[in-house]
Amino acid sequence: MQTLVRGSYVIKRHFQNSHHITESNEVIDRQVKIYFDELNSTINLQVEEEKSWKCIT
């Protein structure tokens, strides 16, 4: 499957989890990629979520 991409946008949001489910502070790094498919005239969203842990010293 070939996708014709006109533009790609990367949005990075850094935020701390305020609920404190675990003993560590969870820092979620989310990347949202927006693709415009010119062939089908549709917009595709891809969300990549990476979770890293910050130790409390």
PDB file of N, CA and C in Angstrom:
ATOM      1  N   MET A   1       0.845  -1.200   0.000  1.00  0.00           N
ATOM      2  CA  MET A   1       0.000   0.000   0.000  1.00  0.00           C
ATOM      3  C   MET A   1       0.881   1.251   0.000  1.00  0.00           C
ATOM      4  N   GLN A   2       0.704   2.075  -0.994  1.00  0.00           N
ATOM      5  CA  GLN A   2       1.458   3.316  -1.070  1.00  0.00           C
ATOM      6  C   GLN A   2       0.581   4.474  -0.608  1.00  0.00           C
ATOM      7  N   THR A   3       1.163   5.326   0.203  1.00  0.00           N
ATOM      8  CA  THR A   3       0.432   6.481   0.709  1.00  0.00           C
ATOM      9  C   THR A   3       1.140   7.749   0.269  1.00  0.00           C
ATOM     10  N   LEU A   4       0.402   8.619  -0.372  1.00  0.00           N
ATOM     11  CA  LEU A   4       0.961   9.891  -0.808  1.00  0.00           C
ATOM     12  C   LEU A   4       0.839  10.895   0.333  1.00  0.00           C
ATOM     13  N   VAL A   5       1.976  11.320   0.836  1.00  0.00           N
ATOM     14  CA  VAL A   5       1.992  12.197   1.999  1.00  0.00           C
ATOM     15  C   VAL A   5       2.359  13.605   1.558  1.00  0.00           C
ATOM     16  N   ARG A   6       1.471  14.541   1.822  1.00  0.00           N
ATOM     17  CA  ARG A   6       1.756  15.937   1.484  1.00  0.00           C
ATOM     18  C   ARG A   6       2.569  16.596   2.591  1.00  0.00           C
ATOM     19  N   GLY A   7       2.197  16.353   3.834  1.00  0.00           N
ATOM     20  CA  GLY A   7       2.913  16.979   4.933  1.00  0.00           C
ATOM     21  C   GLY A   7       2.910  16.088   6.146  1.00  0.00           C
ATOM     22  N   SER A   8       3.913  16.243   6.979  1.00  0.00           N
ATOM     23  CA  SER A   8       4.008  15.464   8.210  1.00  0.00           C
ATOM     24  C   SER A   8       4.275  16.421   9.361  1.00  0.00           C
ATOM     25  N   TYR A   9       3.476  16.304  10.399  1.00  0.00           N
ATOM     26  CA  TYR A   9       3.605  17.180  11.550  1.00  0.00           C
ATOM     27  C   TYR A   9       3.834  16.328  12.793  1.00  0.00           C
ATOM     28  N   VAL A  10       4.779  16.744  13.597  1.00  0.00           N
ATOM     29  CA  VAL A  10       5.081  16.027  14.830  1.00  0.00           C
ATOM     30  C   VAL A  10       4.807  16.949  16.014  1.00  0.00           C
ATOM     31  N   ILE A  11       3.931  16.499  16.892  1.00  0.00           N
ATOM     32  CA  ILE A  11       3.587  17.279  18.079  1.00  0.00           C
ATOM     33  C   ILE A  11       4.052  16.500  19.302  1.00  0.00           C
ATOM     34  N   LYS A  12       4.946  17.102  20.067  1.00  0.00           N
ATOM     35  CA  LYS A  12       5.435  16.437  21.270  1.00  0.00           C
ATOM     36  C   LYS A  12       4.883  17.153  22.494  1.00  0.00           C
ATOM     37  N   ARG A  13       4.263  16.367  23.350  1.00  0.00           N
ATOM     38  CA  ARG A  13       3.726  16.937  24.581  1.00  0.00           C
ATOM     39  C   ARG A  13       4.362  16.218  25.761  1.00  0.00           C
ATOM     40  N   HIS A  14       4.897  17.005  26.669  1.00  0.00           N
ATOM     41  CA  HIS A  14       5.460  16.453  27.887  1.00  0.00           C
ATOM     42  C   HIS A  14       4.557  16.867  29.045  1.00  0.00           C
ATOM     43  N   PHE A  15       4.072  15.885  29.756  1.00  0.00           N
ATOM     44  CA  PHE A  15       3.274  16.217  30.927  1.00  0.00           C
ATOM     45  C   PHE A  15       3.461  15.148  31.981  1.00  0.00           C
ATOM     46  N   GLN A  16       3.225  15.523  33.229  1.00  0.00           N
ATOM     47  CA  GLN A  16       3.376  14.597  34.336  1.00  0.00           C
ATOM     48  C   GLN A  16       2.021  14.060  34.732  1.00  0.00           C
ATOM     49  N   ASN A  17       2.005  12.799  35.095  1.00  0.00           N
ATOM     50  CA  ASN A  17       0.763  12.191  35.547  1.00  0.00           C
ATOM     51  C   ASN A  17       0.464  12.689  36.950  1.00  0.00           C
ATOM     52  N   SER A  18      -0.685  13.315  37.121  1.00  0.00           N
ATOM     53  CA  SER A  18      -1.012  13.927  38.405  1.00  0.00           C
ATOM     54  C   SER A  18      -1.723  12.961  39.342  1.00  0.00           C
ATOM     55  N   HIS A  19      -2.047  11.778  38.858  1.00  0.00           N
ATOM     56  CA  HIS A  19      -2.800  10.844  39.692  1.00  0.00           C
ATOM     57  C   HIS A  19      -1.887  10.023  40.593  1.00  0.00           C
ATOM     58  N   HIS A  20      -0.629   9.878  40.215  1.00  0.00           N
ATOM     59  CA  HIS A  20       0.355   9.129  40.998  1.00  0.00           C
ATOM     60  C   HIS A  20      -0.146   7.718  41.294  1.00  0.00           C
ATOM     61  N   ILE A  21      -0.369   6.958  40.230  1.00  0.00           N
ATOM     62  CA  ILE A  21      -0.854   5.589  40.392  1.00  0.00           C
ATOM     63  C   ILE A  21       0.231   4.716  41.024  1.00  0.00           C
ATOM     64  N   THR A  22       1.474   4.952  40.646  1.00  0.00           N
ATOM     65  CA  THR A  22       2.572   4.177  41.206  1.00  0.00           C
ATOM     66  C   THR A  22       3.435   5.084  42.071  1.00  0.00           C
ATOM     67  N   GLU A  23       4.490   4.500  42.627  1.00  0.00           N
ATOM     68  CA  GLU A  23       5.354   5.273  43.516  1.00  0.00           C
ATOM     69  C   GLU A  23       6.226   6.248  42.740  1.00  0.00           C
ATOM     70  N   SER A  24       6.424   5.973  41.471  1.00  0.00           N
ATOM     71  CA  SER A  24       7.261   6.842  40.650  1.00  0.00           C
ATOM     72  C   SER A  24       6.397   7.845  39.904  1.00  0.00           C
ATOM     73  N   ASN A  25       7.015   8.930  39.495  1.00  0.00           N
ATOM     74  CA  ASN A  25       6.321   9.911  38.669  1.00  0.00           C
ATOM     75  C   ASN A  25       6.409   9.468  37.218  1.00  0.00           C
ATOM     76  N   GLU A  26       5.253   9.312  36.609  1.00  0.00           N
ATOM     77  CA  GLU A  26       5.218   8.825  35.238  1.00  0.00           C
ATOM     78  C   GLU A  26       5.251  10.001  34.270  1.00  0.00           C
ATOM     79  N   VAL A  27       6.231   9.983  33.389  1.00  0.00           N
ATOM     80  CA  VAL A  27       6.358  11.022  32.375  1.00  0.00           C
ATOM     81  C   VAL A  27       6.015  10.394  31.029  1.00  0.00           C
ATOM     82  N   ILE A  28       4.979  10.899  30.406  1.00  0.00           N
ATOM     83  CA  ILE A  28       4.512  10.336  29.148  1.00  0.00           C
ATOM     84  C   ILE A  28       4.936  11.260  28.007  1.00  0.00           C
ATOM     85  N   ASP A  29       5.617  10.673  27.034  1.00  0.00           N
ATOM     86  CA  ASP A  29       6.046  11.420  25.854  1.00  0.00           C
ATOM     87  C   ASP A  29       5.225  10.922  24.680  1.00  0.00           C
ATOM     88  N   ARG A  30       4.374  11.783  24.171  1.00  0.00           N
ATOM     89  CA  ARG A  30       3.479  11.378  23.096  1.00  0.00           C
ATOM     90  C   ARG A  30       3.845  12.109  21.812  1.00  0.00           C
ATOM     91  N   GLN A  31       3.937  11.362  20.731  1.00  0.00           N
ATOM     92  CA  GLN A  31       4.172  11.966  19.425  1.00  0.00           C
ATOM     93  C   GLN A  31       2.969  11.686  18.541  1.00  0.00           C
ATOM     94  N   VAL A  32       2.371  12.752  18.040  1.00  0.00           N
ATOM     95  CA  VAL A  32       1.214  12.612  17.158  1.00  0.00           C
ATOM     96  C   VAL A  32       1.641  13.023  15.750  1.00  0.00           C
ATOM     97  N   LYS A  33       1.548  12.093  14.825  1.00  0.00           N
ATOM     98  CA  LYS A  33       1.938  12.379  13.447  1.00  0.00           C
ATOM     99  C   LYS A  33       0.681  12.466  12.591  1.00  0.00           C
ATOM    100  N   ILE A  34       0.583  13.550  11.827  1.00  0.00           N
ATOM    101  CA  ILE A  34      -0.581  13.788  10.980  1.00  0.00           C
ATOM    102  C   ILE A  34      -0.159  13.636   9.517  1.00  0.00           C
ATOM    103  N   TYR A  35      -0.812  12.728   8.822  1.00  0.00           N
ATOM    104  CA  TYR A  35      -0.515  12.519   7.404  1.00  0.00           C
ATOM    105  C   TYR A  35      -1.748  12.858   6.572  1.00  0.00           C
ATOM    106  N   PHE A  36      -1.524  13.575   5.480  1.00  0.00           N
ATOM    107  CA  PHE A  36      -2.616  13.888   4.561  1.00  0.00           C
ATOM    108  C   PHE A  36      -2.486  13.001   3.335  1.00  0.00           C
ATOM    109  N   ASP A  37      -3.486  12.149   3.118  1.00  0.00           N
ATOM    110  CA  ASP A  37      -3.480  11.248   1.968  1.00  0.00           C
ATOM    111  C   ASP A  37      -4.192  11.945   0.815  1.00  0.00           C
ATOM    112  N   GLU A  38      -3.406  12.390  -0.154  1.00  0.00           N
ATOM    113  CA  GLU A  38      -3.976  13.162  -1.263  1.00  0.00           C
ATOM    114  C   GLU A  38      -4.768  12.276  -2.218  1.00  0.00           C
ATOM    115  N   LEU A  39      -4.416  10.997  -2.259  1.00  0.00           N
ATOM    116  CA  LEU A  39      -5.094  10.081  -3.165  1.00  0.00           C
ATOM    117  C   LEU A  39      -6.528   9.810  -2.700  1.00  0.00           C
ATOM    118  N   ASN A  40      -6.690   9.601  -1.403  1.00  0.00           N
ATOM    119  CA  ASN A  40      -8.013   9.298  -0.854  1.00  0.00           C
ATOM    120  C   ASN A  40      -8.658  10.501  -0.180  1.00  0.00           C
ATOM    121  N   SER A  41      -7.940  11.626  -0.143  1.00  0.00           N
ATOM    122  CA  SER A  41      -8.416  12.843   0.526  1.00  0.00           C
ATOM    123  C   SER A  41      -8.798  12.574   1.973  1.00  0.00           C
ATOM    124  N   THR A  42      -7.925  11.841   2.651  1.00  0.00           N
ATOM    125  CA  THR A  42      -8.166  11.545   4.061  1.00  0.00           C
ATOM    126  C   THR A  42      -6.961  11.980   4.873  1.00  0.00           C
ATOM    127  N   ILE A  43      -7.183  12.149   6.154  1.00  0.00           N
ATOM    128  CA  ILE A  43      -6.113  12.519   7.079  1.00  0.00           C
ATOM    129  C   ILE A  43      -5.899  11.365   8.045  1.00  0.00           C
ATOM    130  N   ASN A  44      -4.655  10.907   8.123  1.00  0.00           N
ATOM    131  CA  ASN A  44      -4.328   9.782   8.990  1.00  0.00           C
ATOM    132  C   ASN A  44      -3.580  10.278  10.216  1.00  0.00           C
ATOM    133  N   LEU A  45      -3.966   9.767  11.371  1.00  0.00           N
ATOM    134  CA  LEU A  45      -3.303  10.119  12.619  1.00  0.00           C
ATOM    135  C   LEU A  45      -2.568   8.905  13.157  1.00  0.00           C
ATOM    136  N   GLN A  46      -1.324   9.113  13.543  1.00  0.00           N
ATOM    137  CA  GLN A  46      -0.557   8.061  14.194  1.00  0.00           C
ATOM    138  C   GLN A  46      -0.064   8.585  15.526  1.00  0.00           C
ATOM    139  N   VAL A  47      -0.372   7.846  16.577  1.00  0.00           N
ATOM    140  CA  VAL A  47       0.039   8.250  17.921  1.00  0.00           C
ATOM    141  C   VAL A  47       1.072   7.258  18.425  1.00  0.00           C
ATOM    142  N   GLU A  48       2.249   7.775  18.715  1.00  0.00           N
ATOM    143  CA  GLU A  48       3.300   6.944  19.290  1.00  0.00           C
ATOM    144  C   GLU A  48       3.504   7.390  20.727  1.00  0.00           C
ATOM    145  N   GLU A  49       3.357   6.448  21.632  1.00  0.00           N
ATOM    146  CA  GLU A  49       3.443   6.794  23.052  1.00  0.00           C
ATOM    147  C   GLU A  49       4.618   6.071  23.676  1.00  0.00           C
ATOM    148  N   GLU A  50       5.498   6.850  24.283  1.00  0.00           N
ATOM    149  CA  GLU A  50       6.642   6.277  24.978  1.00  0.00           C
ATOM    150  C   GLU A  50       6.548   6.657  26.443  1.00  0.00           C
ATOM    151  N   LYS A  51       6.738   5.665  27.295  1.00  0.00           N
ATOM    152  CA  LYS A  51       6.669   5.927  28.732  1.00  0.00           C
ATOM    153  C   LYS A  51       8.060   5.756  29.331  1.00  0.00           C
ATOM    154  N   SER A  52       8.503   6.761  30.018  1.00  0.00           N
ATOM    155  CA  SER A  52       9.782   6.685  30.704  1.00  0.00           C
ATOM    156  C   SER A  52       9.553   6.949  32.190  1.00  0.00           C
ATOM    157  N   TRP A  53      10.439   6.431  32.998  1.00  0.00           N
ATOM    158  CA  TRP A  53      10.264   6.542  34.442  1.00  0.00           C
ATOM    159  C   TRP A  53      11.354   7.432  35.020  1.00  0.00           C
ATOM    160  N   LYS A  54      10.943   8.347  35.860  1.00  0.00           N
ATOM    161  CA  LYS A  54      11.879   9.252  36.523  1.00  0.00           C
ATOM    162  C   LYS A  54      12.016   8.824  37.976  1.00  0.00           C
ATOM    163  N   CYS A  55      13.227   8.503  38.356  1.00  0.00           N
ATOM    164  CA  CYS A  55      13.447   8.000  39.712  1.00  0.00           C
ATOM    165  C   CYS A  55      13.470   9.154  40.707  1.00  0.00           C
ATOM    166  N   ILE A  56      12.960   8.882  41.898  1.00  0.00           N
ATOM    167  CA  ILE A  56      12.964   9.872  42.977  1.00  0.00           C
ATOM    168  C   ILE A  56      14.152   9.574  43.879  1.00  0.00           C
ATOM    169  N   THR A  57      15.060  10.549  43.989  1.00  0.00           N
ATOM    170  CA  THR A  57      16.240  10.340  44.821  1.00  0.00           C
ATOM    171  C   THR A  57      16.177  11.214  46.043  1.00  0.00           C
TER     172      THR A  57
END
